[in-house]
């Protein structure tokens, strides 16, 4: 593959990370500034943002996973009802992130975004057709809604965030394989709290 071919490849996830990196150049950044960077009608990029952030090292900040989960739930719920413009609660949008922490976390997302952009492509169209898209949006909503309840369960929020990243990539690239993988990751994330609480034992 030539350099020109690489440059010509679509980079939907990489472009989101690039824009996040640009915003993070400030001393601190609010979630409002992050979401508004993508526009009030750009639901999929807006959905991808908190999902990427919750799989980054920022997830170690107390309550951060809860905030990202609520954002995911609000955004995907509005996708489900086919709203034209995105609305998010001011209480969430006022939250600020230290610029240096954001830059370090976003830098660690580069390999993930590059991998997703290299591997994602249109395939298994039935999995991302109109009816199936609503199902994927519902799964994203359920993942986001579950995150506040799993704040103290190790790895659970990051697993759910990873699932949302995969499902959002599936919707962006119309990649049914990623939809299947994301759905499988959700199944694994469900098992984590069950093992952590002793409901399931080896």
Protein backbone atom coordinates (compact mmCIF):
# COMPACT_ATOMS: atom_id res chain seq x y z
CA UNK A 1 0.00 0.00 0.00
CA UNK A 2 1.48 3.37 -1.00
CA UNK A 3 1.59 6.47 1.19
CA UNK A 4 -1.10 8.02 -1.01
CA UNK A 5 -3.37 5.02 -0.38
CA UNK A 6 -2.85 5.36 3.38
CA UNK A 7 -3.67 9.08 3.27
CA UNK A 8 -6.77 8.39 1.16
CA UNK A 9 -8.18 5.88 3.64
CA UNK A 10 -11.14 7.17 5.67
CA UNK A 11 -10.23 7.94 9.29
CA UNK A 12 -13.57 8.51 11.05
CA UNK A 13 -12.27 7.54 14.48
CA UNK A 14 -8.86 9.12 13.95
CA UNK A 15 -10.46 12.42 12.97
CA UNK A 16 -12.47 12.42 16.21
CA UNK A 17 -9.27 11.83 18.22
CA UNK A 18 -7.50 14.59 16.22
CA UNK A 19 -10.23 17.07 17.12
CA UNK A 20 -10.16 15.99 20.75
CA UNK A 21 -6.39 16.56 20.78
CA UNK A 22 -6.90 20.06 19.39
CA UNK A 23 -9.39 20.95 22.12
CA UNK A 24 -7.11 19.50 24.81
CA UNK A 25 -4.40 22.06 24.00
CA UNK A 26 -6.16 24.43 26.43
CA UNK A 27 -5.32 24.59 30.16
CA UNK A 28 -8.67 22.98 30.93
CA UNK A 29 -11.62 21.98 28.81
CA UNK A 30 -15.30 21.56 29.62
CA UNK A 31 -17.39 18.71 28.31
CA UNK A 32 -19.57 21.35 26.67
CA UNK A 33 -16.60 22.54 24.60
CA UNK A 34 -15.76 18.96 23.66
CA UNK A 35 -19.28 18.03 22.54
CA UNK A 36 -19.94 21.35 20.80
CA UNK A 37 -16.77 20.89 18.74
CA UNK A 38 -18.65 18.24 16.76
CA UNK A 39 -21.91 20.16 16.31
CA UNK A 40 -25.36 19.61 17.76
CA UNK A 41 -26.46 17.34 14.91
CA UNK A 42 -23.36 15.08 14.88
CA UNK A 43 -24.73 12.30 17.04
CA UNK A 44 -22.28 9.52 16.17
CA UNK A 45 -19.09 11.55 16.79
CA UNK A 46 -20.67 12.88 19.99
CA UNK A 47 -21.42 9.29 21.06
CA UNK A 48 -17.88 8.22 20.27
CA UNK A 49 -16.31 10.98 22.41
CA UNK A 50 -17.40 9.82 25.92
CA UNK A 51 -16.92 6.19 24.91
CA UNK A 52 -13.29 6.88 23.92
CA UNK A 53 -12.70 8.95 27.05
CA UNK A 54 -13.98 6.20 29.35
CA UNK A 55 -11.55 3.66 27.88
CA UNK A 56 -8.68 6.13 28.34
CA UNK A 57 -6.72 6.65 31.61
CA UNK A 58 -9.20 9.41 32.48
CA UNK A 59 -11.56 6.66 33.64
CA UNK A 60 -9.47 6.52 36.82
CA UNK A 61 -10.79 9.93 37.89
CA UNK A 62 -13.57 9.46 40.49
CA UNK A 63 -17.09 9.77 39.02
CA UNK A 64 -15.66 10.29 35.50
CA UNK A 65 -17.01 6.94 34.29
CA UNK A 66 -20.43 7.86 35.64
CA UNK A 67 -20.42 11.17 33.75
CA UNK A 68 -19.33 9.47 30.52
CA UNK A 69 -21.97 6.78 30.99
CA UNK A 70 -24.71 9.38 31.43
CA UNK A 71 -23.51 11.22 28.31
CA UNK A 72 -23.59 7.96 26.33
CA UNK A 73 -27.09 7.22 27.62
CA UNK A 74 -28.42 10.70 26.79
CA UNK A 75 -26.89 10.74 23.30
CA UNK A 76 -27.96 7.22 22.32
CA UNK A 77 -31.48 7.76 23.71
CA UNK A 78 -31.87 10.78 21.43
CA UNK A 79 -30.56 8.74 18.50
CA UNK A 80 -33.20 6.11 19.29
CA UNK A 81 -36.03 8.64 19.05
CA UNK A 82 -34.45 10.25 15.95
CA UNK A 83 -33.99 13.72 17.39
CA UNK A 84 -32.52 16.20 14.90
CA UNK A 85 -30.48 18.18 17.42
CA UNK A 86 -28.56 16.96 20.44
CA UNK A 87 -29.43 18.19 23.94
CA UNK A 88 -27.42 17.40 27.06
CA UNK A 89 -27.95 18.49 30.70
CA UNK A 90 -26.03 21.58 31.76
CA UNK A 91 -24.93 19.78 34.95
CA UNK A 92 -22.87 17.35 32.86
CA UNK A 93 -21.71 19.87 30.28
CA UNK A 94 -20.14 22.12 32.95
CA UNK A 95 -17.70 19.44 34.09
CA UNK A 96 -14.10 20.35 33.30
CA UNK A 97 -11.02 18.22 32.58
CA UNK A 98 -7.44 19.31 33.21
CA UNK A 99 -5.80 19.96 29.85
CA UNK A 100 -2.58 18.05 30.59
CA UNK A 101 -4.46 14.97 31.80
CA UNK A 102 -6.69 15.15 28.72
CA UNK A 103 -3.69 15.40 26.38
CA UNK A 104 -1.97 12.41 27.99
CA UNK A 105 -5.14 10.32 27.84
CA UNK A 106 -5.96 11.26 24.23
CA UNK A 107 -2.38 10.47 23.20
CA UNK A 108 -2.92 6.91 24.40
CA UNK A 109 -5.99 6.59 22.17
CA UNK A 110 -3.99 6.99 18.95
CA UNK A 111 -3.15 3.32 18.54
CA UNK A 112 -6.75 2.33 19.19
CA UNK A 113 -8.15 4.86 16.68
CA UNK A 114 -5.59 3.86 14.04
CA UNK A 115 -6.44 0.17 14.51
CA UNK A 116 -10.19 0.83 14.26
CA UNK A 117 -9.76 2.91 11.10
CA UNK A 118 -7.55 0.26 9.48
CA UNK A 119 -9.88 -2.63 10.24
CA UNK A 120 -13.37 -1.10 9.87
CA UNK A 121 -15.07 -1.36 6.50
CA UNK A 122 -18.55 -1.90 5.08
CA UNK A 123 -19.52 -5.60 5.48
CA UNK A 124 -22.34 -7.77 6.84
CA UNK A 125 -24.77 -5.01 5.93
CA UNK A 126 -27.74 -6.66 7.63
CA UNK A 127 -26.15 -5.95 11.03
CA UNK A 128 -26.13 -2.20 10.38
CA UNK A 129 -29.35 -1.91 8.34
CA UNK A 130 -32.08 0.49 9.51
CA UNK A 131 -33.82 -1.88 12.01
CA UNK A 132 -30.50 -3.22 13.32
CA UNK A 133 -29.15 0.32 13.83
CA UNK A 134 -31.91 0.96 16.38
CA UNK A 135 -30.89 -2.22 18.20
CA UNK A 136 -27.25 -1.07 18.28
CA UNK A 137 -28.32 2.35 19.57
CA UNK A 138 -30.34 0.61 22.30
CA UNK A 139 -27.28 -1.42 23.30
CA UNK A 140 -25.27 1.81 23.55
CA UNK A 141 -27.98 3.30 25.74
CA UNK A 142 -27.98 0.27 28.06
CA UNK A 143 -24.17 0.38 28.33
CA UNK A 144 -24.21 4.06 29.25
CA UNK A 145 -27.08 3.68 31.72
CA UNK A 146 -25.27 0.80 33.46
CA UNK A 147 -21.97 2.67 33.99
CA UNK A 148 -23.04 4.75 37.03
CA UNK A 149 -24.07 1.53 38.82
CA UNK A 150 -20.75 -0.16 38.04
CA UNK A 151 -18.45 2.72 39.03
CA UNK A 152 -16.76 0.67 41.76
CA UNK A 153 -16.51 -2.60 39.82
CA UNK A 154 -13.00 -2.81 38.30
CA UNK A 155 -12.80 -2.75 34.49
CA UNK A 156 -16.58 -2.87 33.97
CA UNK A 157 -16.98 0.74 32.77
CA UNK A 158 -13.96 0.46 30.48
CA UNK A 159 -15.36 -2.76 29.00
CA UNK A 160 -18.74 -1.14 28.41
CA UNK A 161 -16.99 1.91 26.94
CA UNK A 162 -15.03 -0.37 24.61
CA UNK A 163 -18.29 -1.97 23.50
CA UNK A 164 -19.78 1.46 22.72
CA UNK A 165 -16.63 2.40 20.76
CA UNK A 166 -17.01 -0.78 18.69
CA UNK A 167 -20.75 -0.24 18.14
CA UNK A 168 -20.25 3.43 17.23
CA UNK A 169 -17.51 2.42 14.78
CA UNK A 170 -19.89 -0.16 13.32
CA UNK A 171 -22.49 2.59 12.80
CA UNK A 172 -19.93 5.02 11.34
CA UNK A 173 -18.39 2.50 8.92
CA UNK A 174 -21.48 0.28 8.44
CA UNK A 175 -19.37 -2.62 9.66
CA UNK A 176 -21.52 -5.52 10.81
CA UNK A 177 -18.51 -7.47 12.12
CA UNK A 178 -17.73 -4.69 14.58
CA UNK A 179 -21.39 -4.73 15.63
CA UNK A 180 -21.06 -8.44 16.44
CA UNK A 181 -17.78 -7.95 18.32
CA UNK A 182 -19.23 -5.03 20.30
CA UNK A 183 -22.25 -7.12 21.27
CA UNK A 184 -19.93 -9.91 22.43
CA UNK A 185 -17.91 -7.47 24.57
CA UNK A 186 -21.15 -6.42 26.28
CA UNK A 187 -21.73 -10.05 27.19
CA UNK A 188 -18.26 -10.17 28.75
CA UNK A 189 -18.87 -6.92 30.62
CA UNK A 190 -22.03 -8.40 32.15
CA UNK A 191 -19.97 -11.24 33.62
CA UNK A 192 -17.45 -8.94 35.36
CA UNK A 193 -19.77 -7.67 38.15
CA UNK A 194 -21.23 -11.16 38.53
CA UNK A 195 -17.74 -12.54 39.24
CA UNK A 196 -16.84 -9.49 41.38
CA UNK A 197 -19.88 -9.95 43.62
CA UNK A 198 -19.49 -13.72 43.84
CA UNK A 199 -22.74 -14.48 42.01
CA UNK A 200 -20.68 -16.61 39.61
CA UNK A 201 -17.71 -18.54 40.94
CA UNK A 202 -15.10 -20.71 39.28
